[in-house]
Full PDB file with SEQRES, HELIX, SHEET, SSBOND, CRYST1, ORIGX, SCALE, CONECT and MASTER records, all heavy atoms in Angstrom:
SEQRES   1 A   39  ASP THR LEU VAL ASN SER ILE SER GLU GLY LEU PRO LYS          
SEQRES   2 A   39  GLU ILE GLU LEU ARG GLN LYS GLN TYR ALA TYR TYR ARG          
SEQRES   3 A   39  GLU LYS LEU LEU ASP PHE GLY LYS TRP LYS MET GLU SER          
HELIX    1 AA1 THR A    2  ASN A    5  1                                   4    
HELIX    2 AA2 LEU A   11  LEU A   30  1                                  20    
HELIX    3 AA3 PHE A   32  GLU A   38  1                                   7    
CRYST1    1.000    1.000    1.000  90.00  90.00  90.00 P 1           1          
ORIGX1      1.000000  0.000000  0.000000        0.00000                         
ORIGX2      0.000000  1.000000  0.000000        0.00000                         
ORIGX3      0.000000  0.000000  1.000000        0.00000                         
SCALE1      1.000000  0.000000  0.000000        0.00000                         
SCALE2      0.000000  1.000000  0.000000        0.00000                         
SCALE3      0.000000  0.000000  1.000000        0.00000                         
ATOM      1  N   ASP A   1     136.857  74.633 137.013  1.00  0.00           N  
ATOM      2  CA  ASP A   1     138.282  74.747 136.918  1.00  0.00           C  
ATOM      3  C   ASP A   1     138.708  75.772 135.959  1.00  0.00           C  
ATOM      4  O   ASP A   1     139.641  76.648 136.189  1.00  0.00           O  
ATOM      5  CB  ASP A   1     138.884  73.363 136.468  1.00  0.00           C  
ATOM      6  CG  ASP A   1     140.351  73.376 136.453  1.00  0.00           C  
ATOM      7  OD1 ASP A   1     140.974  73.501 137.585  1.00  0.00           O  
ATOM      8  OD2 ASP A   1     140.933  73.220 135.353  1.00  0.00           O  
ATOM      9  N   THR A   2     138.017  75.922 134.800  1.00  0.00           N  
ATOM     10  CA  THR A   2     138.281  76.937 133.872  1.00  0.00           C  
ATOM     11  C   THR A   2     138.043  78.376 134.421  1.00  0.00           C  
ATOM     12  O   THR A   2     138.894  79.232 134.253  1.00  0.00           O  
ATOM     13  CB  THR A   2     137.391  76.758 132.620  1.00  0.00           C  
ATOM     14  OG1 THR A   2     137.742  75.465 131.994  1.00  0.00           O  
ATOM     15  CG2 THR A   2     137.640  77.846 131.567  1.00  0.00           C  
ATOM     16  N   LEU A   3     136.899  78.445 135.188  1.00  0.00           N  
ATOM     17  CA  LEU A   3     136.575  79.689 135.696  1.00  0.00           C  
ATOM     18  C   LEU A   3     137.594  80.231 136.727  1.00  0.00           C  
ATOM     19  O   LEU A   3     137.928  81.465 136.689  1.00  0.00           O  
ATOM     20  CB  LEU A   3     135.217  79.658 136.421  1.00  0.00           C  
ATOM     21  CG  LEU A   3     134.629  80.865 136.971  1.00  0.00           C  
ATOM     22  CD1 LEU A   3     134.351  81.964 135.936  1.00  0.00           C  
ATOM     23  CD2 LEU A   3     133.338  80.589 137.724  1.00  0.00           C  
ATOM     24  N   VAL A   4     138.090  79.378 137.583  1.00  0.00           N  
ATOM     25  CA  VAL A   4     138.934  79.823 138.724  1.00  0.00           C  
ATOM     26  C   VAL A   4     140.398  79.642 138.392  1.00  0.00           C  
ATOM     27  O   VAL A   4     141.245  80.304 139.131  1.00  0.00           O  
ATOM     28  CB  VAL A   4     138.528  79.127 139.986  1.00  0.00           C  
ATOM     29  CG1 VAL A   4     137.111  79.353 140.350  1.00  0.00           C  
ATOM     30  CG2 VAL A   4     138.950  77.555 140.029  1.00  0.00           C  
ATOM     31  N   ASN A   5     140.818  78.830 137.434  1.00  0.00           N  
ATOM     32  CA  ASN A   5     142.276  78.641 137.202  1.00  0.00           C  
ATOM     33  C   ASN A   5     142.769  78.975 135.887  1.00  0.00           C  
ATOM     34  O   ASN A   5     143.905  79.271 135.699  1.00  0.00           O  
ATOM     35  CB  ASN A   5     142.477  77.164 137.430  1.00  0.00           C  
ATOM     36  CG  ASN A   5     142.373  76.734 138.873  1.00  0.00           C  
ATOM     37  OD1 ASN A   5     142.659  77.458 139.772  1.00  0.00           O  
ATOM     38  ND2 ASN A   5     141.775  75.581 139.085  1.00  0.00           N  
ATOM     39  N   SER A   6     141.915  79.087 134.842  1.00  0.00           N  
ATOM     40  CA  SER A   6     142.316  79.375 133.417  1.00  0.00           C  
ATOM     41  C   SER A   6     143.023  80.776 133.364  1.00  0.00           C  
ATOM     42  O   SER A   6     142.439  81.736 133.741  1.00  0.00           O  
ATOM     43  CB  SER A   6     141.270  79.272 132.483  1.00  0.00           C  
ATOM     44  OG  SER A   6     141.705  79.604 131.230  1.00  0.00           O  
ATOM     45  N   ILE A   7     144.289  80.771 132.783  1.00  0.00           N  
ATOM     46  CA  ILE A   7     144.889  82.126 132.532  1.00  0.00           C  
ATOM     47  C   ILE A   7     144.588  82.668 131.224  1.00  0.00           C  
ATOM     48  O   ILE A   7     145.072  83.641 130.724  1.00  0.00           O  
ATOM     49  CB  ILE A   7     146.401  82.010 132.749  1.00  0.00           C  
ATOM     50  CG1 ILE A   7     147.003  81.042 131.773  1.00  0.00           C  
ATOM     51  CG2 ILE A   7     146.766  81.618 134.255  1.00  0.00           C  
ATOM     52  CD1 ILE A   7     148.508  80.974 131.785  1.00  0.00           C  
ATOM     53  N   SER A   8     143.766  81.918 130.432  1.00  0.00           N  
ATOM     54  CA  SER A   8     143.392  82.388 129.112  1.00  0.00           C  
ATOM     55  C   SER A   8     141.931  82.817 128.914  1.00  0.00           C  
ATOM     56  O   SER A   8     141.718  83.566 128.006  1.00  0.00           O  
ATOM     57  CB  SER A   8     143.711  81.198 128.095  1.00  0.00           C  
ATOM     58  OG  SER A   8     142.870  80.078 128.366  1.00  0.00           O  
ATOM     59  N   GLU A   9     141.006  82.274 129.813  1.00  0.00           N  
ATOM     60  CA  GLU A   9     139.663  82.677 129.624  1.00  0.00           C  
ATOM     61  C   GLU A   9     138.783  82.756 130.975  1.00  0.00           C  
ATOM     62  O   GLU A   9     137.736  83.336 130.968  1.00  0.00           O  
ATOM     63  CB  GLU A   9     138.911  81.669 128.737  1.00  0.00           C  
ATOM     64  CG  GLU A   9     139.109  80.229 129.258  1.00  0.00           C  
ATOM     65  CD  GLU A   9     138.441  79.274 128.319  1.00  0.00           C  
ATOM     66  OE1 GLU A   9     137.249  79.384 128.006  1.00  0.00           O  
ATOM     67  OE2 GLU A   9     139.152  78.288 127.855  1.00  0.00           O  
ATOM     68  N   GLY A  10     139.409  82.498 132.098  1.00  0.00           N  
ATOM     69  CA  GLY A  10     138.650  82.535 133.323  1.00  0.00           C  
ATOM     70  C   GLY A  10     138.914  83.899 134.074  1.00  0.00           C  
ATOM     71  O   GLY A  10     139.336  84.805 133.536  1.00  0.00           O  
ATOM     72  N   LEU A  11     138.474  83.864 135.329  1.00  0.00           N  
ATOM     73  CA  LEU A  11     138.626  85.091 136.222  1.00  0.00           C  
ATOM     74  C   LEU A  11     140.074  85.428 136.333  1.00  0.00           C  
ATOM     75  O   LEU A  11     140.343  86.640 136.380  1.00  0.00           O  
ATOM     76  CB  LEU A  11     137.963  84.799 137.604  1.00  0.00           C  
ATOM     77  CG  LEU A  11     136.435  84.825 137.564  1.00  0.00           C  
ATOM     78  CD1 LEU A  11     135.834  84.412 138.899  1.00  0.00           C  
ATOM     79  CD2 LEU A  11     135.954  86.356 137.295  1.00  0.00           C  
ATOM     80  N   PRO A  12     141.067  84.515 136.488  1.00  0.00           N  
ATOM     81  CA  PRO A  12     142.443  85.121 136.670  1.00  0.00           C  
ATOM     82  C   PRO A  12     142.842  85.866 135.374  1.00  0.00           C  
ATOM     83  O   PRO A  12     143.520  86.912 135.562  1.00  0.00           O  
ATOM     84  CB  PRO A  12     143.282  83.736 136.674  1.00  0.00           C  
ATOM     85  CG  PRO A  12     142.252  82.773 137.330  1.00  0.00           C  
ATOM     86  CD  PRO A  12     140.932  83.083 136.704  1.00  0.00           C  
ATOM     87  N   LYS A  13     142.338  85.457 134.206  1.00  0.00           N  
ATOM     88  CA  LYS A  13     142.691  86.227 132.985  1.00  0.00           C  
ATOM     89  C   LYS A  13     142.015  87.642 133.087  1.00  0.00           C  
ATOM     90  O   LYS A  13     142.720  88.692 132.739  1.00  0.00           O  
ATOM     91  CB  LYS A  13     142.313  85.541 131.790  1.00  0.00           C  
ATOM     92  CG  LYS A  13     142.489  86.240 130.466  1.00  0.00           C  
ATOM     93  CD  LYS A  13     144.002  86.398 130.138  1.00  0.00           C  
ATOM     94  CE  LYS A  13     144.287  87.100 128.927  1.00  0.00           C  
ATOM     95  NZ  LYS A  13     145.758  87.273 128.651  1.00  0.00           N  
ATOM     96  N   GLU A  14     140.765  87.660 133.499  1.00  0.00           N  
ATOM     97  CA  GLU A  14     140.101  88.979 133.668  1.00  0.00           C  
ATOM     98  C   GLU A  14     140.763  89.876 134.641  1.00  0.00           C  
ATOM     99  O   GLU A  14     140.881  91.058 134.388  1.00  0.00           O  
ATOM    100  CB  GLU A  14     138.627  88.671 134.022  1.00  0.00           C  
ATOM    101  CG  GLU A  14     137.736  89.939 134.060  1.00  0.00           C  
ATOM    102  CD  GLU A  14     137.381  90.547 132.735  1.00  0.00           C  
ATOM    103  OE1 GLU A  14     137.576  89.774 131.706  1.00  0.00           O  
ATOM    104  OE2 GLU A  14     136.911  91.606 132.598  1.00  0.00           O  
ATOM    105  N   ILE A  15     141.158  89.324 135.685  1.00  0.00           N  
ATOM    106  CA  ILE A  15     141.894  90.088 136.746  1.00  0.00           C  
ATOM    107  C   ILE A  15     143.234  90.679 136.180  1.00  0.00           C  
ATOM    108  O   ILE A  15     143.558  91.893 136.318  1.00  0.00           O  
ATOM    109  CB  ILE A  15     142.129  89.271 138.043  1.00  0.00           C  
ATOM    110  CG1 ILE A  15     140.804  89.016 138.763  1.00  0.00           C  
ATOM    111  CG2 ILE A  15     143.085  90.015 138.938  1.00  0.00           C  
ATOM    112  CD1 ILE A  15     140.894  87.993 139.827  1.00  0.00           C  
ATOM    113  N   GLU A  16     143.910  89.840 135.436  1.00  0.00           N  
ATOM    114  CA  GLU A  16     145.156  90.179 134.821  1.00  0.00           C  
ATOM    115  C   GLU A  16     145.051  91.357 133.819  1.00  0.00           C  
ATOM    116  O   GLU A  16     145.775  92.283 133.878  1.00  0.00           O  
ATOM    117  CB  GLU A  16     145.825  89.032 134.063  1.00  0.00           C  
ATOM    118  CG  GLU A  16     147.169  89.387 133.406  1.00  0.00           C  
ATOM    119  CD  GLU A  16     147.677  88.301 132.531  1.00  0.00           C  
ATOM    120  OE1 GLU A  16     146.969  87.366 132.265  1.00  0.00           O  
ATOM    121  OE2 GLU A  16     148.802  88.416 132.021  1.00  0.00           O  
ATOM    122  N   LEU A  17     143.986  91.276 133.110  1.00  0.00           N  
ATOM    123  CA  LEU A  17     143.692  92.364 132.144  1.00  0.00           C  
ATOM    124  C   LEU A  17     143.311  93.688 132.831  1.00  0.00           C  
ATOM    125  O   LEU A  17     143.735  94.683 132.389  1.00  0.00           O  
ATOM    126  CB  LEU A  17     142.450  91.980 131.219  1.00  0.00           C  
ATOM    127  CG  LEU A  17     142.745  90.819 130.239  1.00  0.00           C  
ATOM    128  CD1 LEU A  17     141.461  90.430 129.473  1.00  0.00           C  
ATOM    129  CD2 LEU A  17     143.885  91.253 129.211  1.00  0.00           C  
ATOM    130  N   ARG A  18     142.614  93.548 133.817  1.00  0.00           N  
ATOM    131  CA  ARG A  18     142.131  94.819 134.616  1.00  0.00           C  
ATOM    132  C   ARG A  18     143.393  95.375 135.279  1.00  0.00           C  
ATOM    133  O   ARG A  18     143.505  96.658 135.403  1.00  0.00           O  
ATOM    134  CB  ARG A  18     141.054  94.481 135.678  1.00  0.00           C  
ATOM    135  CG  ARG A  18     139.717  94.081 135.053  1.00  0.00           C  
ATOM    136  CD  ARG A  18     139.164  95.206 134.182  1.00  0.00           C  
ATOM    137  NE  ARG A  18     138.062  94.658 133.199  1.00  0.00           N  
ATOM    138  CZ  ARG A  18     138.279  94.511 131.957  1.00  0.00           C  
ATOM    139  NH1 ARG A  18     139.408  94.898 131.331  1.00  0.00           N  
ATOM    140  NH2 ARG A  18     137.410  94.084 131.207  1.00  0.00           N  
ATOM    141  N   GLN A  19     144.340  94.588 135.765  1.00  0.00           N  
ATOM    142  CA  GLN A  19     145.458  95.060 136.382  1.00  0.00           C  
ATOM    143  C   GLN A  19     146.343  95.772 135.408  1.00  0.00           C  
ATOM    144  O   GLN A  19     146.962  96.838 135.738  1.00  0.00           O  
ATOM    145  CB  GLN A  19     146.268  93.966 137.065  1.00  0.00           C  
ATOM    146  CG  GLN A  19     145.604  93.400 138.233  1.00  0.00           C  
ATOM    147  CD  GLN A  19     146.314  92.098 138.873  1.00  0.00           C  
ATOM    148  OE1 GLN A  19     146.828  91.331 138.150  1.00  0.00           O  
ATOM    149  NE2 GLN A  19     146.110  91.841 140.188  1.00  0.00           N  
ATOM    150  N   LYS A  20     146.462  95.294 134.207  1.00  0.00           N  
ATOM    151  CA  LYS A  20     147.287  95.839 133.116  1.00  0.00           C  
ATOM    152  C   LYS A  20     146.660  97.179 132.677  1.00  0.00           C  
ATOM    153  O   LYS A  20     147.305  98.222 132.417  1.00  0.00           O  
ATOM    154  CB  LYS A  20     147.320  95.008 131.971  1.00  0.00           C  
ATOM    155  CG  LYS A  20     148.291  93.799 132.080  1.00  0.00           C  
ATOM    156  CD  LYS A  20     148.398  92.951 130.879  1.00  0.00           C  
ATOM    157  CE  LYS A  20     149.363  91.726 131.116  1.00  0.00           C  
ATOM    158  NZ  LYS A  20     149.461  90.797 129.915  1.00  0.00           N  
ATOM    159  N   GLN A  21     145.251  97.147 132.720  1.00  0.00           N  
ATOM    160  CA  GLN A  21     144.568  98.378 132.329  1.00  0.00           C  
ATOM    161  C   GLN A  21     144.766  99.517 133.375  1.00  0.00           C  
ATOM    162  O   GLN A  21     145.067 100.636 133.019  1.00  0.00           O  
ATOM    163  CB  GLN A  21     143.036  98.031 132.236  1.00  0.00           C  
ATOM    164  CG  GLN A  21     142.186  99.186 131.482  1.00  0.00           C  
ATOM    165  CD  GLN A  21     140.785  98.630 131.235  1.00  0.00           C  
ATOM    166  OE1 GLN A  21     140.285  97.942 132.081  1.00  0.00           O  
ATOM    167  NE2 GLN A  21     140.147  99.093 130.263  1.00  0.00           N  
ATOM    168  N   TYR A  22     144.705  99.128 134.635  1.00  0.00           N  
ATOM    169  CA  TYR A  22     144.994 100.078 135.739  1.00  0.00           C  
ATOM    170  C   TYR A  22     146.450 100.643 135.629  1.00  0.00           C  
ATOM    171  O   TYR A  22     146.609 101.829 135.695  1.00  0.00           O  
ATOM    172  CB  TYR A  22     144.820  99.374 137.080  1.00  0.00           C  
ATOM    173  CG  TYR A  22     145.492 100.132 138.262  1.00  0.00           C  
ATOM    174  CD1 TYR A  22     144.919 101.285 138.687  1.00  0.00           C  
ATOM    175  CD2 TYR A  22     146.653  99.669 138.797  1.00  0.00           C  
ATOM    176  CE1 TYR A  22     145.462 102.013 139.664  1.00  0.00           C  
ATOM    177  CE2 TYR A  22     147.316 100.407 139.890  1.00  0.00           C  
ATOM    178  CZ  TYR A  22     146.694 101.590 140.310  1.00  0.00           C  
ATOM    179  OH  TYR A  22     147.277 102.291 141.284  1.00  0.00           O  
ATOM    180  N   ALA A  23     147.446  99.771 135.314  1.00  0.00           N  
ATOM    181  CA  ALA A  23     148.800 100.202 135.208  1.00  0.00           C  
ATOM    182  C   ALA A  23     148.953 101.104 134.075  1.00  0.00           C  
ATOM    183  O   ALA A  23     149.700 102.128 134.116  1.00  0.00           O  
ATOM    184  CB  ALA A  23     149.758  98.937 135.016  1.00  0.00           C  
ATOM    185  N   TYR A  24     148.341 100.800 132.957  1.00  0.00           N  
ATOM    186  CA  TYR A  24     148.399 101.716 131.751  1.00  0.00           C  
ATOM    187  C   TYR A  24     147.817 103.073 132.056  1.00  0.00           C  
ATOM    188  O   TYR A  24     148.544 104.118 131.748  1.00  0.00           O  
ATOM    189  CB  TYR A  24     147.567 101.004 130.604  1.00  0.00           C  
ATOM    190  CG  TYR A  24     147.477 101.872 129.370  1.00  0.00           C  
ATOM    191  CD1 TYR A  24     148.501 102.019 128.471  1.00  0.00           C  
ATOM    192  CD2 TYR A  24     146.255 102.723 129.237  1.00  0.00           C  
ATOM    193  CE1 TYR A  24     148.407 102.815 127.308  1.00  0.00           C  
ATOM    194  CE2 TYR A  24     146.190 103.484 128.063  1.00  0.00           C  
ATOM    195  CZ  TYR A  24     147.265 103.629 127.142  1.00  0.00           C  
ATOM    196  OH  TYR A  24     147.101 104.510 126.015  1.00  0.00           O  
ATOM    197  N   TYR A  25     146.604 103.196 132.587  1.00  0.00           N  
ATOM    198  CA  TYR A  25     146.051 104.437 132.842  1.00  0.00           C  
ATOM    199  C   TYR A  25     146.744 105.284 134.000  1.00  0.00           C  
ATOM    200  O   TYR A  25     146.759 106.428 133.999  1.00  0.00           O  
ATOM    201  CB  TYR A  25     144.571 104.316 133.221  1.00  0.00           C  
ATOM    202  CG  TYR A  25     143.719 104.204 131.880  1.00  0.00           C  
ATOM    203  CD1 TYR A  25     143.274 102.958 131.496  1.00  0.00           C  
ATOM    204  CD2 TYR A  25     143.481 105.342 131.109  1.00  0.00           C  
ATOM    205  CE1 TYR A  25     142.601 102.821 130.376  1.00  0.00           C  
ATOM    206  CE2 TYR A  25     142.767 105.198 129.891  1.00  0.00           C  
ATOM    207  CZ  TYR A  25     142.273 103.846 129.487  1.00  0.00           C  
ATOM    208  OH  TYR A  25     141.636 103.738 128.403  1.00  0.00           O  
ATOM    209  N   ARG A  26     147.357 104.519 134.894  1.00  0.00           N  
ATOM    210  CA  ARG A  26     148.041 105.134 136.056  1.00  0.00           C  
ATOM    211  C   ARG A  26     149.285 105.787 135.445  1.00  0.00           C  
ATOM    212  O   ARG A  26     149.615 107.000 135.777  1.00  0.00           O  
ATOM    213  CB  ARG A  26     148.521 104.088 137.009  1.00  0.00           C  
ATOM    214  CG  ARG A  26     149.278 104.741 138.280  1.00  0.00           C  
ATOM    215  CD  ARG A  26     149.832 103.634 139.231  1.00  0.00           C  
ATOM    216  NE  ARG A  26     150.882 102.941 138.468  1.00  0.00           N  
ATOM    217  CZ  ARG A  26     151.024 101.648 138.421  1.00  0.00           C  
ATOM    218  NH1 ARG A  26     150.229 100.811 139.064  1.00  0.00           N  
ATOM    219  NH2 ARG A  26     152.071 101.029 137.786  1.00  0.00           N  
ATOM    220  N   GLU A  27     149.996 105.065 134.561  1.00  0.00           N  
ATOM    221  CA  GLU A  27     151.178 105.757 133.944  1.00  0.00           C  
ATOM    222  C   GLU A  27     150.756 106.930 133.062  1.00  0.00           C  
ATOM    223  O   GLU A  27     151.480 107.953 133.111  1.00  0.00           O  
ATOM    224  CB  GLU A  27     151.874 104.728 133.008  1.00  0.00           C  
ATOM    225  CG  GLU A  27     153.009 105.129 132.307  1.00  0.00           C  
ATOM    226  CD  GLU A  27     153.780 104.084 131.555  1.00  0.00           C  
ATOM    227  OE1 GLU A  27     153.382 102.960 131.662  1.00  0.00           O  
ATOM    228  OE2 GLU A  27     154.696 104.411 130.669  1.00  0.00           O  
ATOM    229  N   LYS A  28     149.707 106.839 132.373  1.00  0.00           N  
ATOM    230  CA  LYS A  28     149.290 107.937 131.494  1.00  0.00           C  
ATOM    231  C   LYS A  28     148.841 109.155 132.333  1.00  0.00           C  
ATOM    232  O   LYS A  28     149.218 110.344 132.023  1.00  0.00           O  
ATOM    233  CB  LYS A  28     148.092 107.529 130.645  1.00  0.00           C  
ATOM    234  CG  LYS A  28     148.486 106.554 129.446  1.00  0.00           C  
ATOM    235  CD  LYS A  28     149.421 107.245 128.447  1.00  0.00           C  
ATOM    236  CE  LYS A  28     149.681 106.351 127.246  1.00  0.00           C  
ATOM    237  NZ  LYS A  28     150.486 106.971 126.297  1.00  0.00           N  
ATOM    238  N   LEU A  29     148.039 108.881 133.353  1.00  0.00           N  
ATOM    239  CA  LEU A  29     147.491 110.074 134.142  1.00  0.00           C  
ATOM    240  C   LEU A  29     148.511 110.684 135.018  1.00  0.00           C  
ATOM    241  O   LEU A  29     148.301 111.840 135.417  1.00  0.00           O  
ATOM    242  CB  LEU A  29     146.365 109.513 135.069  1.00  0.00           C  
ATOM    243  CG  LEU A  29     145.050 109.107 134.257  1.00  0.00           C  
ATOM    244  CD1 LEU A  29     144.062 108.378 135.110  1.00  0.00           C  
ATOM    245  CD2 LEU A  29     144.386 110.373 133.649  1.00  0.00           C  
ATOM    246  N   LEU A  30     149.651 109.943 135.342  1.00  0.00           N  
ATOM    247  CA  LEU A  30     150.583 110.551 136.380  1.00  0.00           C  
ATOM    248  C   LEU A  30     151.879 110.914 135.755  1.00  0.00           C  
ATOM    249  O   LEU A  30     152.771 111.391 136.402  1.00  0.00           O  
ATOM    250  CB  LEU A  30     150.857 109.485 137.499  1.00  0.00           C  
ATOM    251  CG  LEU A  30     149.624 109.113 138.351  1.00  0.00           C  
ATOM    252  CD1 LEU A  30     150.009 108.045 139.237  1.00  0.00           C  
ATOM    253  CD2 LEU A  30     149.151 110.323 139.052  1.00  0.00           C  
ATOM    254  N   ASP A  31     151.940 110.737 134.385  1.00  0.00           N  
ATOM    255  CA  ASP A  31     153.151 111.246 133.658  1.00  0.00           C  
ATOM    256  C   ASP A  31     152.952 112.707 133.288  1.00  0.00           C  
ATOM    257  O   ASP A  31     152.762 113.035 132.152  1.00  0.00           O  
ATOM    258  CB  ASP A  31     153.396 110.333 132.504  1.00  0.00           C  
ATOM    259  CG  ASP A  31     154.679 110.676 131.779  1.00  0.00           C  
ATOM    260  OD1 ASP A  31     155.476 111.494 132.275  1.00  0.00           O  
ATOM    261  OD2 ASP A  31     155.015 110.025 130.660  1.00  0.00           O  
ATOM    262  N   PHE A  32     153.013 113.658 134.183  1.00  0.00           N  
ATOM    263  CA  PHE A  32     152.701 115.019 133.991  1.00  0.00           C  
ATOM    264  C   PHE A  32     153.782 115.685 133.051  1.00  0.00           C  
ATOM    265  O   PHE A  32     153.454 116.584 132.256  1.00  0.00           O  
ATOM    266  CB  PHE A  32     152.576 115.743 135.272  1.00  0.00           C  
ATOM    267  CG  PHE A  32     151.440 115.341 136.198  1.00  0.00           C  
ATOM    268  CD1 PHE A  32     151.650 114.418 137.224  1.00  0.00           C  
ATOM    269  CD2 PHE A  32     150.188 115.728 135.843  1.00  0.00           C  
ATOM    270  CE1 PHE A  32     150.572 114.001 137.959  1.00  0.00           C  
ATOM    271  CE2 PHE A  32     149.133 115.361 136.573  1.00  0.00           C  
ATOM    272  CZ  PHE A  32     149.246 114.419 137.731  1.00  0.00           C  
ATOM    273  N   GLY A  33     154.899 115.267 133.142  1.00  0.00           N  
ATOM    274  CA  GLY A  33     155.955 115.741 132.151  1.00  0.00           C  
ATOM    275  C   GLY A  33     155.636 115.413 130.778  1.00  0.00           C  
ATOM    276  O   GLY A  33     155.747 116.313 129.904  1.00  0.00           O  
ATOM    277  N   LYS A  34     155.126 114.251 130.535  1.00  0.00           N  
ATOM    278  CA  LYS A  34     154.676 113.917 129.240  1.00  0.00           C  
ATOM    279  C   LYS A  34     153.579 114.717 128.692  1.00  0.00           C  
ATOM    280  O   LYS A  34     153.534 115.280 127.580  1.00  0.00           O  
ATOM    281  CB  LYS A  34     154.375 112.426 129.117  1.00  0.00           C  
ATOM    282  CG  LYS A  34     154.100 111.871 127.684  1.00  0.00           C  
ATOM    283  CD  LYS A  34     153.827 110.472 127.628  1.00  0.00           C  
ATOM    284  CE  LYS A  34     153.451 110.000 126.262  1.00  0.00           C  
ATOM    285  NZ  LYS A  34     153.199 108.503 126.190  1.00  0.00           N  
ATOM    286  N   TRP A  35     152.566 114.936 129.555  1.00  0.00           N  
ATOM    287  CA  TRP A  35     151.329 115.745 129.192  1.00  0.00           C  
ATOM    288  C   TRP A  35     151.740 117.163 128.869  1.00  0.00           C  
ATOM    289  O   TRP A  35     151.240 117.748 128.007  1.00  0.00           O  
ATOM    290  CB  TRP A  35     150.398 115.718 130.372  1.00  0.00           C  
ATOM    291  CG  TRP A  35     149.549 114.400 130.433  1.00  0.00           C  
ATOM    292  CD1 TRP A  35     149.589 113.454 131.361  1.00  0.00           C  
ATOM    293  CD2 TRP A  35     148.488 114.029 129.464  1.00  0.00           C  
ATOM    294  NE1 TRP A  35     148.693 112.486 131.048  1.00  0.00           N  
ATOM    295  CE2 TRP A  35     148.076 112.792 129.837  1.00  0.00           C  
ATOM    296  CE3 TRP A  35     147.949 114.595 128.258  1.00  0.00           C  
ATOM    297  CZ2 TRP A  35     147.014 112.130 129.102  1.00  0.00           C  
ATOM    298  CZ3 TRP A  35     147.033 113.897 127.489  1.00  0.00           C  
ATOM    299  CH2 TRP A  35     146.634 112.716 128.021  1.00  0.00           C  
ATOM    300  N   LYS A  36     152.723 117.632 129.750  1.00  0.00           N  
ATOM    301  CA  LYS A  36     153.137 119.041 129.533  1.00  0.00           C  
ATOM    302  C   LYS A  36     153.797 119.179 128.142  1.00  0.00           C  
ATOM    303  O   LYS A  36     153.613 120.154 127.478  1.00  0.00           O  
ATOM    304  CB  LYS A  36     154.133 119.433 130.605  1.00  0.00           C  
ATOM    305  CG  LYS A  36     154.441 120.933 130.547  1.00  0.00           C  
ATOM    306  CD  LYS A  36     155.341 121.245 131.779  1.00  0.00           C  
ATOM    307  CE  LYS A  36     155.742 122.707 131.761  1.00  0.00           C  
ATOM    308  NZ  LYS A  36     156.597 123.050 132.901  1.00  0.00           N  
ATOM    309  N   MET A  37     154.653 118.250 127.762  1.00  0.00           N  
ATOM    310  CA  MET A  37     155.388 118.321 126.517  1.00  0.00           C  
ATOM    311  C   MET A  37     154.336 118.258 125.313  1.00  0.00           C  
ATOM    312  O   MET A  37     154.448 118.867 124.338  1.00  0.00           O  
ATOM    313  CB  MET A  37     156.443 117.156 126.415  1.00  0.00           C  
ATOM    314  CG  MET A  37     157.631 117.429 127.355  1.00  0.00           C  
ATOM    315  SD  MET A  37     158.813 116.232 127.017  1.00  0.00           S  
ATOM    316  CE  MET A  37     158.121 114.706 127.687  1.00  0.00           C  
ATOM    317  N   GLU A  38     153.365 117.305 125.495  1.00  0.00           N  
ATOM    318  CA  GLU A  38     152.382 117.146 124.389  1.00  0.00           C  
ATOM    319  C   GLU A  38     151.480 118.302 124.304  1.00  0.00           C  
ATOM    320  O   GLU A  38     150.985 118.588 123.148  1.00  0.00           O  
ATOM    321  CB  GLU A  38     151.594 115.847 124.724  1.00  0.00           C  
ATOM    322  CG  GLU A  38     152.361 114.559 124.467  1.00  0.00           C  
ATOM    323  CD  GLU A  38     151.567 113.328 124.776  1.00  0.00           C  
ATOM    324  OE1 GLU A  38     150.369 113.537 125.321  1.00  0.00           O  
ATOM    325  OE2 GLU A  38     151.999 112.174 124.510  1.00  0.00           O  
ATOM    326  N   SER A  39     151.168 118.984 125.380  1.00  0.00           N  
ATOM    327  CA  SER A  39     150.336 120.156 125.320  1.00  0.00           C  
ATOM    328  C   SER A  39     150.998 121.350 124.729  1.00  0.00           C  
ATOM    329  O   SER A  39     150.334 122.316 124.306  1.00  0.00           O  
ATOM    330  CB  SER A  39     149.660 120.493 126.668  1.00  0.00           C  
ATOM    331  OG  SER A  39     150.809 120.779 127.584  1.00  0.00           O  
TER     332      SER A  39                                                      
MASTER        0    0    0    3    0    0    0    6  331    1    0    3          
END                                                                             
């Protein structure tokens, strides 16, 4: 039950963290206006 349902330590939590990580890097990698200003 912990493995498949827990939002604090199981697979659902791991999936949530990876989705947030993907969204973070997607925003960073595709924000070309920001990169241009920083460079």
